[in-house]
Amino acid sequence: MFPLNIFNSAGEIFSHANLFLMVIAIVWMFFAVIQDFRKREVANWWNFSLIAFVLAYRAFLSVNTEDYRYFLWGLVGFAAGFILANAFYYARMFAGGDAKLLMALGTILPLSLSWRINLEILFWFIVLFLLTGAIYGLIYSIILSIIHFNKFKKRFCEYTQKYRKLLLIFFLVSLLFILVSLFLKSSFYFSNYLLILLVIFIPLCPLLFFYAKAIEDTCMIHFVPVSMLTIGDWLVKPIKAGRKKVRPNWEGLSEDELKMIRENVSGKVLVKYGIPFTPSFLLGFLAMLCWIYFKINFFY
């Protein structure tokens, strides 16, 4: 029996039907990760095929069990994924392929027939997805900095030298917190632990920003032959293609812009690549399953 008491009244989350959905999700995300690393994009047909397959499976379950809620929860999950995907996309946290993958996962995440349980599952998936994504992104950036260490070190030192006055200001602010904690011996003062965190975190903020910028400048910007450009690539600078200019934008190159560049531009262009983000979906999903299975739950 499924070990988490909250789910007993709504049925077992790890039923055979749901295990099939979980395996399908993991397999689909695994191949999406391979696509992302190989081509820097996840094909639309791959994400849409997951949506169609899961909804068809849920429809089969609804007919077989004579319970329409299996299919209905798939639609509700898709709607929730659609809303969240657009929110992340327009907040410029996701690219188009990532947003569509989240929509597809939305059809899978409702693993119960209870709205409260499904809401908790969605909540913990988002939390763990963002947490594992942050850890993965940090590890990935560290690996990039090691591979391109000399260039990275040079650019990072340039930023720290250029903005040394800003670093001094942040350091002085952290000292101010120390003085506040020493002289304000009332109920309104910083605890020792909070003070330590603030003293460490405040000077660290600009250094983390310089670190991210140095990684971007030295590890993520490359000259790419025009023939190898793909839809969604991020241009670094505007490109004159015939009589028109193709300007950088968050959505990346459109199909028309790519065609225009290939017809009018030769040689190489500067393109910025982001960190492949699909592993965060797989890691977040696996972390959510472990979180549920091993009863790591803050609500109960």
Protein backbone atom coordinates (compact mmCIF):
# COMPACT_ATOMS: atom_id res chain seq x y z
CA MET A 1 0.00 0.00 0.00
CA PHE A 2 1.14 3.52 -0.72
CA PRO A 3 2.89 4.78 2.43
CA LEU A 4 1.60 8.36 2.65
CA ASN A 5 -1.60 8.58 4.71
CA ILE A 6 -2.99 11.66 2.99
CA PHE A 7 -3.46 9.73 -0.23
CA ASN A 8 -5.25 6.73 1.25
CA SER A 9 -8.70 8.30 1.03
CA ALA A 10 -8.22 9.23 -2.64
CA GLY A 11 -6.72 5.93 -3.79
CA GLU A 12 -3.14 4.83 -4.20
CA ILE A 13 -0.99 7.26 -6.13
CA PHE A 14 1.39 4.49 -7.13
CA SER A 15 -1.30 2.37 -8.74
CA HIS A 16 -0.53 0.43 -11.93
CA ALA A 17 -2.31 3.07 -14.02
CA ASN A 18 -0.28 5.90 -12.52
CA LEU A 19 2.99 3.94 -12.64
CA PHE A 20 2.50 3.67 -16.38
CA LEU A 21 2.06 7.47 -16.59
CA MET A 22 5.19 8.02 -14.47
CA VAL A 23 7.29 5.72 -16.67
CA ILE A 24 6.00 7.43 -19.82
CA ALA A 25 6.86 10.85 -18.35
CA ILE A 26 10.39 9.76 -17.40
CA VAL A 27 11.06 8.17 -20.82
CA TRP A 28 9.72 11.21 -22.70
CA MET A 29 11.75 13.63 -20.57
CA PHE A 30 14.89 11.50 -20.93
CA PHE A 31 14.75 11.72 -24.73
CA ALA A 32 13.84 15.43 -24.48
CA VAL A 33 17.08 15.94 -22.52
CA ILE A 34 19.04 14.15 -25.26
CA GLN A 35 17.42 16.37 -27.90
CA ASP A 36 18.16 19.49 -25.89
CA PHE A 37 21.86 18.67 -25.50
CA ARG A 38 22.28 17.59 -29.12
CA LYS A 39 20.24 20.26 -30.92
CA ARG A 40 19.67 22.94 -28.22
CA GLU A 41 15.92 22.52 -28.68
CA VAL A 42 13.10 20.07 -28.05
CA ALA A 43 10.99 19.34 -31.11
CA ASN A 44 7.37 20.49 -30.93
CA TRP A 45 6.12 17.13 -32.18
CA TRP A 46 7.83 15.40 -29.25
CA ASN A 47 6.05 17.54 -26.64
CA PHE A 48 2.70 17.45 -28.46
CA SER A 49 2.92 13.67 -28.90
CA LEU A 50 3.22 13.30 -25.11
CA ILE A 51 0.10 15.42 -24.62
CA ALA A 52 -1.86 13.39 -27.18
CA PHE A 53 -0.65 10.04 -25.82
CA VAL A 54 -1.43 10.84 -22.17
CA LEU A 55 -4.88 12.28 -22.94
CA ALA A 56 -5.68 9.23 -25.09
CA TYR A 57 -4.57 6.95 -22.24
CA ARG A 58 -6.68 8.88 -19.74
CA ALA A 59 -9.65 8.68 -22.10
CA PHE A 60 -9.17 4.89 -22.25
CA LEU A 61 -9.08 4.72 -18.43
CA SER A 62 -12.26 6.79 -18.19
CA VAL A 63 -14.10 4.47 -20.60
CA ASN A 64 -12.71 1.33 -18.97
CA THR A 65 -13.58 2.41 -15.41
CA GLU A 66 -16.68 4.41 -16.37
CA ASP A 67 -15.22 7.34 -14.43
CA TYR A 68 -14.83 10.52 -16.53
CA ARG A 69 -12.62 12.14 -13.87
CA TYR A 70 -9.46 10.45 -15.18
CA PHE A 71 -9.77 12.27 -18.48
CA LEU A 72 -11.11 15.47 -16.88
CA TRP A 73 -8.07 15.72 -14.59
CA GLY A 74 -5.83 15.37 -17.64
CA LEU A 75 -7.53 18.42 -19.18
CA VAL A 76 -7.33 20.34 -15.90
CA GLY A 77 -3.62 19.47 -15.60
CA PHE A 78 -3.01 20.62 -19.17
CA ALA A 79 -4.77 23.94 -18.40
CA ALA A 80 -2.65 24.41 -15.25
CA GLY A 81 0.51 23.58 -17.20
CA PHE A 82 -0.51 26.00 -19.95
CA ILE A 83 -0.98 28.85 -17.45
CA LEU A 84 2.29 28.16 -15.62
CA ALA A 85 4.22 27.67 -18.86
CA ASN A 86 3.06 31.04 -20.19
CA ALA A 87 3.85 32.71 -16.86
CA PHE A 88 7.42 31.33 -16.90
CA TYR A 89 7.80 32.06 -20.61
CA TYR A 90 6.75 35.72 -20.40
CA ALA A 91 8.82 36.11 -17.23
CA ARG A 92 11.71 35.06 -19.52
CA MET A 93 12.56 32.01 -17.41
CA PHE A 94 11.59 29.49 -20.11
CA ALA A 95 12.23 29.10 -23.81
CA GLY A 96 9.42 27.87 -26.06
CA GLY A 97 10.38 24.18 -25.88
CA ASP A 98 10.58 24.26 -22.08
CA ALA A 99 7.13 25.85 -21.87
CA LYS A 100 5.60 23.16 -24.09
CA LEU A 101 7.24 20.40 -22.06
CA LEU A 102 5.65 21.83 -18.90
CA MET A 103 2.24 21.80 -20.63
CA ALA A 104 2.79 18.14 -21.48
CA LEU A 105 3.78 17.32 -17.91
CA GLY A 106 0.64 19.07 -16.73
CA THR A 107 -1.45 16.25 -18.25
CA ILE A 108 0.47 13.71 -16.11
CA LEU A 109 0.79 15.45 -12.75
CA PRO A 110 -2.83 14.99 -11.56
CA LEU A 111 -2.19 11.54 -10.05
CA SER A 112 -5.28 11.54 -7.86
CA LEU A 113 -9.00 12.15 -8.18
CA SER A 114 -8.87 14.65 -5.30
CA TRP A 115 -8.35 18.32 -6.16
CA ARG A 116 -6.56 18.98 -2.86
CA ILE A 117 -4.02 16.20 -3.41
CA ASN A 118 -3.45 17.21 -7.02
CA LEU A 119 -2.88 20.79 -5.90
CA GLU A 120 -0.24 19.61 -3.44
CA ILE A 121 1.44 17.46 -6.09
CA LEU A 122 1.61 20.44 -8.46
CA PHE A 123 2.92 22.68 -5.68
CA TRP A 124 5.71 20.31 -4.68
CA PHE A 125 6.66 19.64 -8.29
CA ILE A 126 7.11 23.38 -8.94
CA VAL A 127 9.10 23.85 -5.71
CA LEU A 128 11.37 20.85 -6.30
CA PHE A 129 11.66 21.63 -10.01
CA LEU A 130 12.95 25.13 -9.24
CA LEU A 131 15.24 23.84 -6.47
CA THR A 132 16.80 21.04 -8.52
CA GLY A 133 16.98 23.41 -11.50
CA ALA A 134 18.99 25.92 -9.45
CA ILE A 135 21.38 23.20 -8.23
CA TYR A 136 21.74 21.76 -11.73
CA GLY A 137 22.35 25.23 -13.21
CA LEU A 138 25.03 25.97 -10.62
CA ILE A 139 26.82 22.67 -11.25
CA TYR A 140 26.58 23.15 -15.03
CA SER A 141 28.02 26.67 -14.80
CA ILE A 142 30.88 25.48 -12.57
CA ILE A 143 31.76 22.82 -15.14
CA LEU A 144 31.72 25.48 -17.88
CA SER A 145 34.00 27.75 -15.83
CA ILE A 146 36.47 24.89 -15.35
CA ILE A 147 36.48 23.99 -19.06
CA HIS A 148 37.04 27.65 -20.05
CA PHE A 149 38.97 28.54 -16.89
CA ASN A 150 41.53 30.97 -18.35
CA LYS A 151 38.97 33.03 -20.29
CA PHE A 152 36.51 32.90 -17.39
CA LYS A 153 39.13 33.99 -14.84
CA LYS A 154 40.22 36.91 -17.00
CA ARG A 155 36.66 38.19 -17.56
CA PHE A 156 35.70 37.73 -13.88
CA CYS A 157 38.75 39.73 -12.76
CA GLU A 158 37.87 42.45 -15.28
CA TYR A 159 34.39 42.80 -13.74
CA THR A 160 35.69 42.88 -10.17
CA GLN A 161 38.27 45.53 -11.09
CA LYS A 162 35.80 47.63 -13.05
CA TYR A 163 33.18 47.59 -10.29
CA ARG A 164 35.46 47.53 -7.24
CA LYS A 165 33.70 50.62 -5.83
CA LEU A 166 30.39 48.73 -5.93
CA LEU A 167 31.99 45.82 -4.09
CA LEU A 168 33.26 48.23 -1.45
CA ILE A 169 29.74 49.65 -0.97
CA PHE A 170 28.26 46.18 -0.44
CA PHE A 171 31.05 45.36 2.01
CA LEU A 172 30.35 48.55 3.97
CA VAL A 173 26.65 47.69 4.09
CA SER A 174 27.48 44.32 5.64
CA LEU A 175 29.60 46.10 8.25
CA LEU A 176 26.63 48.35 8.97
CA PHE A 177 24.56 45.29 9.88
CA ILE A 178 27.28 44.24 12.30
CA LEU A 179 27.20 47.65 13.97
CA VAL A 180 23.41 47.57 14.18
CA SER A 181 23.49 44.18 15.90
CA LEU A 182 26.13 45.39 18.37
CA PHE A 183 24.51 48.68 19.39
CA LEU A 184 20.81 47.85 19.27
CA LYS A 185 20.42 45.60 22.31
CA SER A 186 16.64 45.62 22.18
CA SER A 187 14.02 43.20 20.90
CA PHE A 188 14.65 44.58 17.43
CA TYR A 189 18.04 43.27 16.51
CA PHE A 190 19.46 40.62 14.27
CA SER A 191 20.04 37.16 15.67
CA ASN A 192 23.56 35.77 15.37
CA TYR A 193 22.56 33.34 12.63
CA LEU A 194 20.75 35.99 10.59
CA LEU A 195 23.66 38.36 11.02
CA ILE A 196 26.13 35.77 9.76
CA LEU A 197 23.94 35.06 6.73
CA LEU A 198 23.56 38.75 5.92
CA VAL A 199 27.27 39.49 6.32
CA ILE A 200 28.06 36.63 3.91
CA PHE A 201 25.20 37.18 1.46
CA ILE A 202 25.40 40.96 0.95
CA PRO A 203 29.00 41.10 -0.40
CA LEU A 204 28.30 37.87 -2.28
CA CYS A 205 25.47 39.37 -4.38
CA PRO A 206 27.65 41.40 -6.79
CA LEU A 207 30.21 38.58 -6.98
CA LEU A 208 27.49 36.14 -8.05
CA PHE A 209 26.35 38.63 -10.68
CA PHE A 210 29.93 39.03 -11.99
CA TYR A 211 30.27 35.23 -11.99
CA ALA A 212 27.11 34.82 -14.09
CA LYS A 213 28.15 37.55 -16.52
CA ALA A 214 31.64 36.10 -16.90
CA ILE A 215 30.13 32.65 -17.62
CA GLU A 216 27.79 34.17 -20.20
CA ASP A 217 30.52 36.18 -21.94
CA THR A 218 33.14 33.45 -22.12
CA CYS A 219 31.19 30.17 -22.25
CA MET A 220 27.81 30.83 -23.85
CA ILE A 221 28.53 33.18 -26.76
CA HIS A 222 29.91 31.58 -29.91
CA PHE A 223 30.40 32.30 -33.60
CA VAL A 224 28.08 29.94 -35.49
CA PRO A 225 27.96 29.36 -39.28
CA VAL A 226 24.75 30.66 -40.83
CA SER A 227 24.02 27.18 -42.18
CA MET A 228 23.90 25.82 -38.61
CA LEU A 229 21.47 28.39 -37.21
CA THR A 230 18.14 27.03 -35.99
CA ILE A 231 14.78 28.51 -35.06
CA GLY A 232 14.94 29.95 -31.53
CA ASP A 233 18.66 30.80 -31.57
CA TRP A 234 19.48 34.01 -29.69
CA LEU A 235 21.42 36.60 -31.65
CA VAL A 236 23.92 38.72 -29.74
CA LYS A 237 23.92 41.65 -32.16
CA PRO A 238 21.57 42.91 -34.90
CA ILE A 239 22.26 41.41 -38.33
CA LYS A 240 21.65 43.21 -41.61
CA ALA A 241 19.89 40.76 -43.91
CA GLY A 242 19.29 42.48 -47.24
CA ARG A 243 17.30 45.65 -46.66
CA LYS A 244 16.13 44.64 -43.20
CA LYS A 245 17.76 44.18 -39.83
CA VAL A 246 17.17 41.11 -37.70
CA ARG A 247 17.38 42.20 -34.09
CA PRO A 248 18.00 40.06 -30.99
CA ASN A 249 14.88 39.21 -29.00
CA TRP A 250 13.94 36.85 -26.18
CA GLU A 251 11.92 34.51 -28.40
CA GLY A 252 14.93 33.88 -30.62
CA LEU A 253 14.97 33.59 -34.39
CA SER A 254 11.65 33.00 -36.07
CA GLU A 255 11.28 30.85 -39.17
CA ASP A 256 11.00 33.95 -41.41
CA GLU A 257 14.05 35.61 -39.82
CA LEU A 258 16.10 32.44 -40.20
CA LYS A 259 15.15 32.19 -43.87
CA MET A 260 16.03 35.87 -44.42
CA ILE A 261 19.48 35.43 -42.81
CA ARG A 262 20.29 32.31 -44.81
CA GLU A 263 19.36 34.04 -48.06
CA ASN A 264 21.29 37.27 -47.41
CA VAL A 265 24.12 36.56 -44.95
CA SER A 266 27.21 34.40 -45.29
CA GLY A 267 29.92 33.40 -42.85
CA LYS A 268 29.35 33.26 -39.10
CA VAL A 269 27.21 35.21 -36.62
CA LEU A 270 27.40 35.63 -32.86
CA VAL A 271 24.84 33.48 -31.02
CA LYS A 272 24.18 33.16 -27.29
CA TYR A 273 23.29 29.73 -25.93
CA GLY A 274 21.61 29.18 -22.61
CA ILE A 275 22.00 26.24 -20.26
CA PRO A 276 19.94 23.24 -21.48
CA PHE A 277 17.07 23.35 -19.01
CA THR A 278 15.22 20.10 -19.72
CA PRO A 279 17.25 18.11 -17.12
CA SER A 280 15.54 20.27 -14.47
CA PHE A 281 12.16 18.81 -15.47
CA LEU A 282 13.41 15.25 -15.14
CA LEU A 283 15.21 15.94 -11.85
CA GLY A 284 12.23 17.83 -10.44
CA PHE A 285 9.80 15.05 -11.39
CA LEU A 286 12.00 12.33 -9.84
CA ALA A 287 12.51 14.46 -6.72
CA MET A 288 8.74 14.91 -6.40
CA LEU A 289 8.15 11.14 -6.61
CA CYS A 290 10.81 10.51 -3.95
CA TRP A 291 9.38 13.30 -1.81
CA ILE A 292 5.94 11.69 -1.86
CA TYR A 293 7.09 8.09 -1.49
CA PHE A 294 9.37 8.65 1.49
CA LYS A 295 6.78 10.76 3.33
CA ILE A 296 8.84 13.97 3.22
CA ASN A 297 5.84 16.26 3.59
CA PHE A 298 5.65 19.55 5.50
CA PHE A 299 1.86 19.61 5.61
CA TYR A 300 1.32 16.39 7.55
